[in-house]
Amino acid sequence: MSTFSKMSTFFGFKPRRNCECRRSRHEPQRNGRDICNSCGLYIQEFRPNLERLKNLGPVASRNQLDNLDWIDTEEDLDPQLVFEPEVKHVMGAASLQNAGFFGQCPAGAKLHLLFQTNMVKKISGLNMVCASISVQKVVPPSKPGLSDALECTICLDPAASPINHCDNGHIVCGFCVERMTECGLCKTKLTPSVLAERLSRQLDLTCNCPNFSSGCVVPFAAAEVKNHVKECYYRNVICDITWQHKCDKIEIPFEDFAMHLLSTHGTNLYTIIDGMRASEPVTFPLDGDNFAYPGASGIYRILKKNGETFFLHFHTTKKFDYLWVTVLGDAKEAEKHWFNLKISHTSDTRRQMEQSYTIPVLAYHPYAKYEVTTMFEKCVMIPASLVKQYGVKENGQNKDRLVLVLAYDIV
C-alpha cells in the first residue's frame, strides 16, 4: 500500500483518485499501487518539490502553492518528511487556510497537513493528489556529560548528598543509601565518595525534592536537598491524633493527609462557595468559669474552597479557646488567603452578640501545633467568659455545654 493510502486511512478519509479516463475511482490495488480497471493505467502520486517549498515566504498564497513544481513519486513516500525549522512556518495552519487547504494537529509534536483531495493538477495528462506531509522538529541526540555520571544508579536522579559509591564506582544518592547497606547492582560495600561530592558542588547539580509529587516542584542544589527536606513545606505529616482511631506517629503523605483525617478520624469537611459562608453551631464544654478540657488540641474542620484545602485548628486553655487556619501548601500559597470568622448566638432574649475576626492563613507545617511565642497574634481567641455570657444551653438544659454559631469564610 502506498504511503498516501496508508496515511489517508490513518486520518479517516478516502481520497478521490481519478484516472485520466475519468471513468473510475477508488480502485483496487495491484502490487501496492492503485490501478484503473477501465483503462489499465496506474494512477500515479505526486508531491511538491521540497526545495521550492522551502523558498516560500511566511504566508504562502494560493498562487504560490499552485505554481509549485510537482514531482512524480513512483516509489513509496516517506511519511516522516522533515522540514528545516525555518521552513516549518510555511506549512502553518493560516497559510494552508489561505491556500484552500485544511490541516489537522493531533496531540504531540507532529503537525500533520492534508491537502484537499478535490484540488488536483494536470501533469503529463494525469490528475494527481498530494500525499500528506508530516512536519516534525528534529532534536539532535545529546552527548552524555559529566553530570550523567553522577546519577544515582537506584533512583536515576542526580545524586543528592551524601553521595556514596561502591568498589566498582556505582553511585548511590543520600536518600537511597538510607535504605541499603550494599550496592544494588554489584552487592559490594558502599562508602562516601569525596570526589563525587566535590564534582556535584562544582557543577552546581540540581535535583527534585523527594516531595515533588506532593507539590514541591522547585529544584534544589543536590548538595543541599537533604537539608531542605527537613524543612520542606510538603514533607510527610506525622499523625498522632487519637480521635476515633489512635495514630501512633504514623507518616502520611502530605497530599493524602486530608483524606486520612476524613476516613480515619472522622473530621468533617465543609466546602465554602464564593460569596457564601459555611456556618454551624459549636458546643463549648465549660467547668464553672473555665473551659472543661484545657490542653485539648487538634484539627476541628477541613475546609475546601476553589480547589484548595484548609484546616481549622483549635487549642484550648482554661481561659481561652484558640482558633487558626492552615493551608495544605507552602508559605507563598498561604499568603494569598485570609480567614474570616464570625461568632454569634441564637437566643430568644433581647441580648444579641456578633463578633467578626480576620486573620492570615498559615502554611501547615510551621503552624500545625500551637506555640505561644509564635501563634499568639495569629489566632482568634474565644474567651471562656464570652461563651458563658452569650452561649446558649445545649438542648436548652445543660448549663455546662453552651452553644455559639461559627461562620467561616476564606478570602
Protein backbone atom coordinates (compact mmCIF):
# COMPACT_ATOMS: atom_id res chain seq x y z
CA MET A 1 0.00 0.00 0.00
CA SER A 2 1.33 3.47 -0.87
CA THR A 3 2.14 5.96 1.84
CA PHE A 4 -0.67 8.21 0.69
CA SER A 5 -3.14 5.36 1.05
CA LYS A 6 -1.73 4.41 4.45
CA MET A 7 -1.89 7.95 5.83
CA SER A 8 -5.27 8.60 4.26
CA THR A 9 -6.61 5.57 6.08
CA PHE A 10 -4.96 6.77 9.31
CA PHE A 11 -6.63 10.18 9.11
CA GLY A 12 -10.01 8.65 8.37
CA PHE A 13 -10.85 9.77 4.83
CA LYS A 14 -10.90 8.07 1.43
CA PRO A 15 -9.12 10.04 -1.29
CA ARG A 16 -10.90 10.75 -4.54
CA ARG A 17 -8.49 9.48 -7.12
CA ASN A 18 -9.48 9.81 -10.77
CA CYS A 19 -7.66 8.25 -13.67
CA GLU A 20 -7.12 10.27 -16.85
CA CYS A 21 -10.03 8.37 -18.41
CA ARG A 22 -12.26 9.84 -15.64
CA ARG A 23 -14.32 6.67 -15.55
CA SER A 24 -13.13 5.08 -12.32
CA ARG A 25 -12.22 5.99 -8.80
CA HIS A 26 -11.42 4.14 -5.55
CA GLU A 27 -9.99 1.25 -7.47
CA PRO A 28 -8.45 -1.92 -6.00
CA GLN A 29 -4.70 -2.11 -5.70
CA ARG A 30 -2.23 -4.21 -7.65
CA ASN A 31 1.36 -4.63 -6.46
CA GLY A 32 0.84 -1.97 -3.81
CA ARG A 33 -0.35 0.74 -6.25
CA ASP A 34 -3.76 1.86 -7.43
CA ILE A 35 -4.80 0.87 -10.92
CA CYS A 36 -7.71 1.94 -13.09
CA ASN A 37 -9.77 -1.08 -14.07
CA SER A 38 -11.19 0.80 -17.06
CA CYS A 39 -8.03 1.70 -18.94
CA GLY A 40 -5.47 -0.40 -17.07
CA LEU A 41 -3.15 2.54 -16.27
CA TYR A 42 -1.59 3.16 -12.89
CA ILE A 43 -2.93 6.17 -11.05
CA GLN A 44 0.23 7.99 -10.00
CA GLU A 45 1.01 10.02 -6.91
CA PHE A 46 2.87 13.29 -6.77
CA ARG A 47 4.29 15.55 -4.08
CA PRO A 48 5.55 19.17 -4.20
CA ASN A 49 9.14 20.00 -4.95
CA LEU A 50 10.52 20.41 -1.43
CA GLU A 51 13.31 22.77 -2.44
CA ARG A 52 10.84 25.23 -3.94
CA LEU A 53 8.53 24.79 -0.99
CA LYS A 54 11.35 25.93 1.32
CA ASN A 55 11.68 29.20 -0.61
CA LEU A 56 8.12 30.33 0.09
CA GLY A 57 7.55 33.24 2.43
CA PRO A 58 5.94 33.13 5.87
CA VAL A 59 2.45 33.15 4.35
CA ALA A 60 2.04 31.08 1.24
CA SER A 61 -0.71 32.28 -1.10
CA ARG A 62 -2.85 30.02 -3.25
CA ASN A 63 -0.99 31.18 -6.36
CA GLN A 64 2.39 30.40 -4.82
CA LEU A 65 1.31 26.88 -3.98
CA ASP A 66 -0.38 26.46 -7.35
CA ASN A 67 2.88 27.35 -9.13
CA LEU A 68 4.97 24.75 -7.32
CA ASP A 69 6.58 22.01 -9.35
CA TRP A 70 5.13 18.61 -8.58
CA ILE A 71 7.30 15.50 -8.67
CA ASP A 72 6.15 12.08 -9.83
CA THR A 73 6.76 9.61 -6.99
CA GLU A 74 6.85 6.08 -8.31
CA GLU A 75 8.44 4.94 -5.05
CA ASP A 76 6.62 4.80 -1.74
CA LEU A 77 6.65 8.18 0.01
CA ASP A 78 8.37 8.62 3.36
CA PRO A 79 5.61 9.51 5.88
CA GLN A 80 8.12 11.40 8.04
CA LEU A 81 9.23 14.13 5.64
CA VAL A 82 11.16 16.58 7.82
CA PHE A 83 11.47 20.28 7.03
CA GLU A 84 14.11 22.61 8.42
CA PRO A 85 12.85 24.72 11.39
CA GLU A 86 12.88 27.92 9.31
CA VAL A 87 10.58 26.27 6.77
CA LYS A 88 8.14 24.97 9.33
CA HIS A 89 6.13 28.22 9.39
CA VAL A 90 5.43 27.85 5.66
CA MET A 91 3.12 24.96 6.42
CA GLY A 92 1.30 26.76 9.23
CA ALA A 93 -2.44 26.47 9.59
CA ALA A 94 -3.04 30.07 8.44
CA SER A 95 -1.07 29.53 5.24
CA LEU A 96 -2.96 26.35 4.44
CA GLN A 97 -6.29 28.00 5.10
CA ASN A 98 -5.41 30.91 2.83
CA ALA A 99 -4.33 28.46 0.16
CA GLY A 100 -7.54 26.49 0.34
CA PHE A 101 -6.10 23.55 2.25
CA PHE A 102 -7.03 22.11 5.59
CA GLY A 103 -4.83 20.87 8.43
CA GLN A 104 -5.15 18.64 11.44
CA CYS A 105 -2.97 18.85 14.56
CA PRO A 106 -3.29 15.91 16.96
CA ALA A 107 -1.75 15.96 20.44
CA GLY A 108 2.02 15.67 20.32
CA ALA A 109 4.91 17.25 18.47
CA LYS A 110 3.85 16.38 14.92
CA LEU A 111 1.72 18.62 12.75
CA HIS A 112 0.02 16.59 10.02
CA LEU A 113 -1.13 18.59 7.00
CA LEU A 114 -3.51 17.17 4.42
CA PHE A 115 -4.25 18.70 1.05
CA GLN A 116 -7.87 18.79 -0.02
CA THR A 117 -8.49 15.80 -2.23
CA ASN A 118 -10.53 17.77 -4.76
CA MET A 119 -7.57 20.04 -5.58
CA VAL A 120 -5.88 18.29 -8.50
CA LYS A 121 -3.30 19.37 -11.03
CA LYS A 122 -2.69 18.31 -14.62
CA ILE A 123 0.78 16.91 -15.14
CA SER A 124 1.59 14.77 -18.16
CA GLY A 125 -2.09 14.23 -18.77
CA LEU A 126 -2.72 12.77 -15.32
CA ASN A 127 -4.84 14.03 -12.49
CA MET A 128 -2.95 13.99 -9.21
CA VAL A 129 -3.48 14.36 -5.49
CA CYS A 130 -0.80 15.22 -2.98
CA ALA A 131 0.24 12.84 -0.27
CA SER A 132 0.04 14.03 3.31
CA ILE A 133 3.11 15.66 4.78
CA SER A 134 4.30 15.34 8.37
CA VAL A 135 6.25 18.26 9.82
CA GLN A 136 8.42 17.35 12.77
CA LYS A 137 11.07 19.21 14.72
CA VAL A 138 14.22 17.15 14.89
CA VAL A 139 16.36 17.48 18.04
CA PRO A 140 19.85 16.03 17.69
CA PRO A 141 20.70 13.48 20.37
CA SER A 142 22.69 14.99 23.21
CA LYS A 143 26.00 13.54 24.27
CA PRO A 144 26.24 12.25 27.83
CA GLY A 145 28.03 14.72 30.10
CA LEU A 146 29.84 14.50 33.39
CA SER A 147 26.60 15.18 35.26
CA ASP A 148 25.14 11.95 33.84
CA ALA A 149 27.95 10.02 35.53
CA LEU A 150 26.76 11.39 38.89
CA GLU A 151 23.24 9.99 38.62
CA CYS A 152 22.11 7.60 41.32
CA THR A 153 22.03 4.03 39.99
CA ILE A 154 18.93 3.31 42.11
CA CYS A 155 16.54 6.25 41.59
CA LEU A 156 18.25 7.53 38.39
CA ASP A 157 18.10 11.14 39.64
CA PRO A 158 21.09 13.45 40.14
CA ALA A 159 22.73 12.17 43.31
CA ALA A 160 21.83 14.11 46.45
CA SER A 161 24.37 14.42 49.25
CA PRO A 162 25.85 12.49 50.94
CA ILE A 163 26.88 10.66 47.76
CA ASN A 164 28.14 7.09 48.18
CA HIS A 165 29.82 4.71 45.78
CA CYS A 166 30.83 1.06 45.72
CA ASP A 167 34.14 -0.59 44.81
CA ASN A 168 33.04 -0.65 41.16
CA GLY A 169 32.17 3.05 41.05
CA HIS A 170 28.37 2.77 41.11
CA ILE A 171 26.82 5.95 42.55
CA VAL A 172 24.09 5.84 45.22
CA CYS A 173 22.45 9.08 46.42
CA GLY A 174 22.00 10.15 50.03
CA PHE A 175 18.31 9.16 50.06
CA CYS A 176 18.69 5.68 48.61
CA VAL A 177 21.71 4.84 50.78
CA GLU A 178 19.49 5.10 53.87
CA ARG A 179 17.59 2.03 52.69
CA MET A 180 20.53 -0.18 51.74
CA THR A 181 23.89 -1.36 53.04
CA GLU A 182 25.41 -2.57 49.77
CA CYS A 183 25.37 -1.63 46.09
CA GLY A 184 22.13 -2.57 44.38
CA LEU A 185 23.99 -3.58 41.20
CA CYS A 186 27.08 -5.47 42.30
CA LYS A 187 26.38 -6.08 46.02
CA THR A 188 29.68 -4.57 47.17
CA LYS A 189 30.17 -2.27 50.15
CA LEU A 190 29.13 1.38 49.91
CA THR A 191 31.35 4.20 51.15
CA PRO A 192 31.11 8.03 50.95
CA SER A 193 32.54 9.46 47.73
CA VAL A 194 34.54 12.64 48.35
CA LEU A 195 35.26 13.08 44.63
CA ALA A 196 31.59 12.82 43.65
CA GLU A 197 30.66 15.34 46.36
CA ARG A 198 33.22 17.85 45.10
CA LEU A 199 32.11 17.41 41.48
CA SER A 200 28.46 17.82 42.45
CA ARG A 201 29.18 21.15 44.12
CA GLN A 202 31.48 22.43 41.37
CA LEU A 203 28.96 21.52 38.64
CA ASP A 204 26.06 23.02 40.65
CA LEU A 205 23.98 19.90 40.08
CA THR A 206 20.30 20.21 40.97
CA CYS A 207 17.67 17.60 41.70
CA ASN A 208 13.98 17.45 42.56
CA CYS A 209 12.79 17.28 46.13
CA PRO A 210 11.56 13.80 47.19
CA ASN A 211 8.23 15.53 47.90
CA PHE A 212 7.86 16.55 44.25
CA SER A 213 4.61 14.59 43.82
CA SER A 214 3.12 16.39 46.84
CA GLY A 215 3.75 19.83 45.34
CA CYS A 216 7.39 20.81 45.97
CA VAL A 217 8.37 21.40 42.33
CA VAL A 218 11.31 23.82 42.71
CA PRO A 219 14.67 22.08 42.05
CA PHE A 220 17.36 22.39 44.69
CA ALA A 221 21.13 22.02 44.73
CA ALA A 222 21.90 18.33 45.05
CA ALA A 223 24.35 19.11 47.85
CA GLU A 224 21.65 20.89 49.91
CA VAL A 225 18.47 18.95 49.16
CA LYS A 226 18.67 16.78 52.29
CA ASN A 227 18.76 19.88 54.48
CA HIS A 228 15.78 21.23 52.56
CA VAL A 229 13.75 18.05 53.09
CA LYS A 230 13.85 18.53 56.86
CA GLU A 231 12.02 21.86 56.50
CA CYS A 232 10.10 21.19 53.28
CA TYR A 233 6.55 22.55 53.33
CA TYR A 234 5.38 19.39 51.53
CA ARG A 235 7.08 16.78 53.71
CA ASN A 236 5.11 13.88 55.17
CA VAL A 237 2.81 14.56 58.11
CA ILE A 238 3.40 12.71 61.39
CA CYS A 239 -0.10 11.90 62.64
CA ASP A 240 -0.57 11.37 66.39
CA ILE A 241 -4.32 12.11 66.52
CA THR A 242 -6.25 9.82 68.87
CA TRP A 243 -9.83 10.85 67.98
CA GLN A 244 -11.88 7.77 66.83
CA HIS A 245 -8.68 5.97 65.90
CA LYS A 246 -5.29 6.29 67.58
CA CYS A 247 -2.41 7.03 65.24
CA ASP A 248 0.95 6.31 66.84
CA LYS A 249 3.03 8.85 64.90
CA ILE A 250 2.20 7.39 61.51
CA GLU A 251 3.75 9.06 58.44
CA ILE A 252 1.10 10.26 56.00
CA PRO A 253 1.99 11.69 52.56
CA PHE A 254 1.26 15.40 52.57
CA GLU A 255 -1.24 15.29 49.70
CA ASP A 256 -3.16 12.42 51.40
CA PHE A 257 -3.46 13.99 54.84
CA ALA A 258 -6.93 15.50 54.33
CA MET A 259 -8.30 12.15 53.17
CA HIS A 260 -6.66 10.46 56.17
CA LEU A 261 -8.45 12.87 58.52
CA LEU A 262 -11.77 12.17 56.82
CA SER A 263 -11.55 8.39 56.65
CA THR A 264 -9.63 7.57 59.83
CA HIS A 265 -10.51 10.28 62.34
CA GLY A 266 -13.95 11.35 61.11
CA THR A 267 -13.07 15.02 60.69
CA ASN A 268 -15.91 16.83 58.93
CA LEU A 269 -15.32 18.66 55.65
CA TYR A 270 -17.10 21.86 54.64
CA THR A 271 -16.98 23.28 51.12
CA ILE A 272 -17.12 27.08 51.01
CA ILE A 273 -18.73 28.62 47.92
CA ASP A 274 -17.68 32.06 46.70
CA GLY A 275 -19.85 34.74 48.27
CA MET A 276 -21.17 32.42 50.99
CA ARG A 277 -20.11 31.24 54.45
CA ALA A 278 -20.07 27.81 55.98
CA SER A 279 -21.74 28.00 59.39
CA GLU A 280 -22.50 25.56 62.20
CA PRO A 281 -23.43 25.55 65.89
CA VAL A 282 -20.41 24.66 68.05
CA THR A 283 -20.66 23.35 71.60
CA PHE A 284 -18.14 24.60 74.18
CA PRO A 285 -17.90 22.43 77.35
CA LEU A 286 -17.37 24.53 80.49
CA ASP A 287 -16.28 23.77 84.02
CA GLY A 288 -17.56 26.70 86.01
CA ASP A 289 -15.94 29.81 84.54
CA ASN A 290 -13.28 27.87 82.62
CA PHE A 291 -13.18 25.58 79.63
CA ALA A 292 -13.59 21.96 80.69
CA TYR A 293 -10.72 20.38 78.75
CA PRO A 294 -7.59 22.54 78.86
CA GLY A 295 -4.78 21.15 76.73
CA ALA A 296 -7.09 19.75 74.07
CA SER A 297 -5.74 20.45 70.59
CA GLY A 298 -6.23 19.25 67.03
CA ILE A 299 -7.87 19.86 63.66
CA TYR A 300 -11.54 20.69 64.09
CA ARG A 301 -12.65 21.03 60.44
CA ILE A 302 -11.40 20.57 56.89
CA LEU A 303 -12.38 23.48 54.66
CA LYS A 304 -12.35 23.43 50.85
CA LYS A 305 -12.53 26.46 48.60
CA ASN A 306 -11.63 26.84 44.91
CA GLY A 307 -9.73 23.56 44.90
CA GLU A 308 -7.53 24.44 47.90
CA THR A 309 -7.60 22.52 51.19
CA PHE A 310 -7.53 24.29 54.57
CA PHE A 311 -7.52 23.05 58.17
CA LEU A 312 -9.27 24.79 61.07
CA HIS A 313 -7.13 24.13 64.16
CA PHE A 314 -8.01 24.62 67.82
CA HIS A 315 -6.11 24.69 71.09
CA THR A 316 -7.85 25.01 74.46
CA THR A 317 -6.57 26.50 77.71
CA LYS A 318 -8.52 27.22 80.87
CA LYS A 319 -9.47 30.75 79.84
CA PHE A 320 -9.23 30.77 76.03
CA ASP A 321 -10.01 28.66 73.01
CA TYR A 322 -7.57 29.48 70.17
CA LEU A 323 -8.53 29.01 66.52
CA TRP A 324 -6.31 29.35 63.44
CA VAL A 325 -6.28 28.12 59.83
CA THR A 326 -3.54 26.49 57.75
CA VAL A 327 -3.42 25.60 54.07
CA LEU A 328 -2.23 22.35 52.53
CA GLY A 329 0.63 24.16 50.81
CA ASP A 330 3.62 26.42 51.32
CA ALA A 331 4.05 29.95 52.66
CA LYS A 332 3.55 31.54 49.24
CA GLU A 333 0.19 29.81 48.88
CA ALA A 334 -0.79 30.81 52.42
CA GLU A 335 -0.06 34.49 51.74
CA LYS A 336 -2.83 34.52 49.12
CA HIS A 337 -5.60 33.84 51.66
CA TRP A 338 -7.26 35.27 54.76
CA PHE A 339 -9.62 33.53 57.16
CA ASN A 340 -12.76 35.32 58.30
CA LEU A 341 -14.66 34.08 61.35
CA LYS A 342 -18.00 35.39 62.62
CA ILE A 343 -19.24 34.35 66.07
CA SER A 344 -22.90 34.81 67.00
CA HIS A 345 -25.63 33.13 69.01
CA THR A 346 -29.28 32.27 68.62
CA SER A 347 -31.41 33.27 71.56
CA ASP A 348 -34.96 34.33 72.25
CA THR A 349 -33.76 37.04 74.59
CA ARG A 350 -33.04 40.60 73.60
CA ARG A 351 -29.31 40.14 74.05
CA GLN A 352 -27.60 39.94 70.69
CA MET A 353 -23.94 39.21 70.12
CA GLU A 354 -21.91 39.11 66.92
CA GLN A 355 -18.15 39.35 66.59
CA SER A 356 -16.01 39.10 63.45
CA TYR A 357 -12.31 38.30 63.12
CA THR A 358 -9.97 38.24 60.13
CA ILE A 359 -6.61 36.50 60.44
CA PRO A 360 -3.97 35.39 57.92
CA VAL A 361 -3.93 31.82 56.65
CA LEU A 362 -0.71 29.99 57.58
CA ALA A 363 1.34 27.22 55.97
CA TYR A 364 0.59 23.86 57.58
CA HIS A 365 3.94 22.50 58.74
CA PRO A 366 5.31 25.52 60.65
CA TYR A 367 1.97 26.05 62.40
CA ALA A 368 0.50 22.57 62.81
CA LYS A 369 0.88 22.85 66.61
CA TYR A 370 0.10 25.76 68.91
CA GLU A 371 3.12 27.64 70.22
CA VAL A 372 2.59 30.63 72.49
CA THR A 373 5.62 32.51 71.19
CA THR A 374 4.67 32.21 67.51
CA MET A 375 0.88 31.80 67.44
CA PHE A 376 -0.46 34.39 69.87
CA GLU A 377 -1.01 37.11 67.24
CA LYS A 378 -2.10 34.70 64.50
CA CYS A 379 -5.13 33.18 66.25
CA VAL A 380 -8.71 34.03 67.10
CA MET A 381 -9.05 33.91 70.90
CA ILE A 382 -12.50 32.99 72.20
CA PRO A 383 -12.67 33.73 75.96
CA ALA A 384 -14.49 31.35 78.26
CA SER A 385 -16.22 34.40 79.74
CA LEU A 386 -17.71 35.23 76.30
CA VAL A 387 -19.06 31.70 75.94
CA LYS A 388 -20.52 31.79 79.45
CA GLN A 389 -22.19 35.15 78.87
CA TYR A 390 -23.64 34.61 75.39
CA GLY A 391 -23.66 30.86 74.87
CA VAL A 392 -26.99 29.07 74.58
CA LYS A 393 -27.55 25.96 76.68
CA GLU A 394 -27.27 22.78 74.66
CA ASN A 395 -30.76 21.32 74.21
CA GLY A 396 -31.96 24.15 76.44
CA GLN A 397 -30.89 22.28 79.57
CA ASN A 398 -27.18 21.64 80.06
CA LYS A 399 -25.61 24.75 81.55
CA ASP A 400 -22.09 23.32 81.23
CA ARG A 401 -22.38 22.86 77.46
CA LEU A 402 -23.01 26.17 75.75
CA VAL A 403 -23.51 26.72 72.02
CA LEU A 404 -22.31 29.53 69.76
CA VAL A 405 -22.67 29.76 65.98
CA LEU A 406 -19.42 29.92 63.98
CA ALA A 407 -19.47 31.06 60.35
CA TYR A 408 -16.35 30.55 58.20
CA ASP A 409 -15.10 32.16 55.04
CA ILE A 410 -11.74 32.23 53.25
CA VAL A 411 -10.88 35.21 51.08
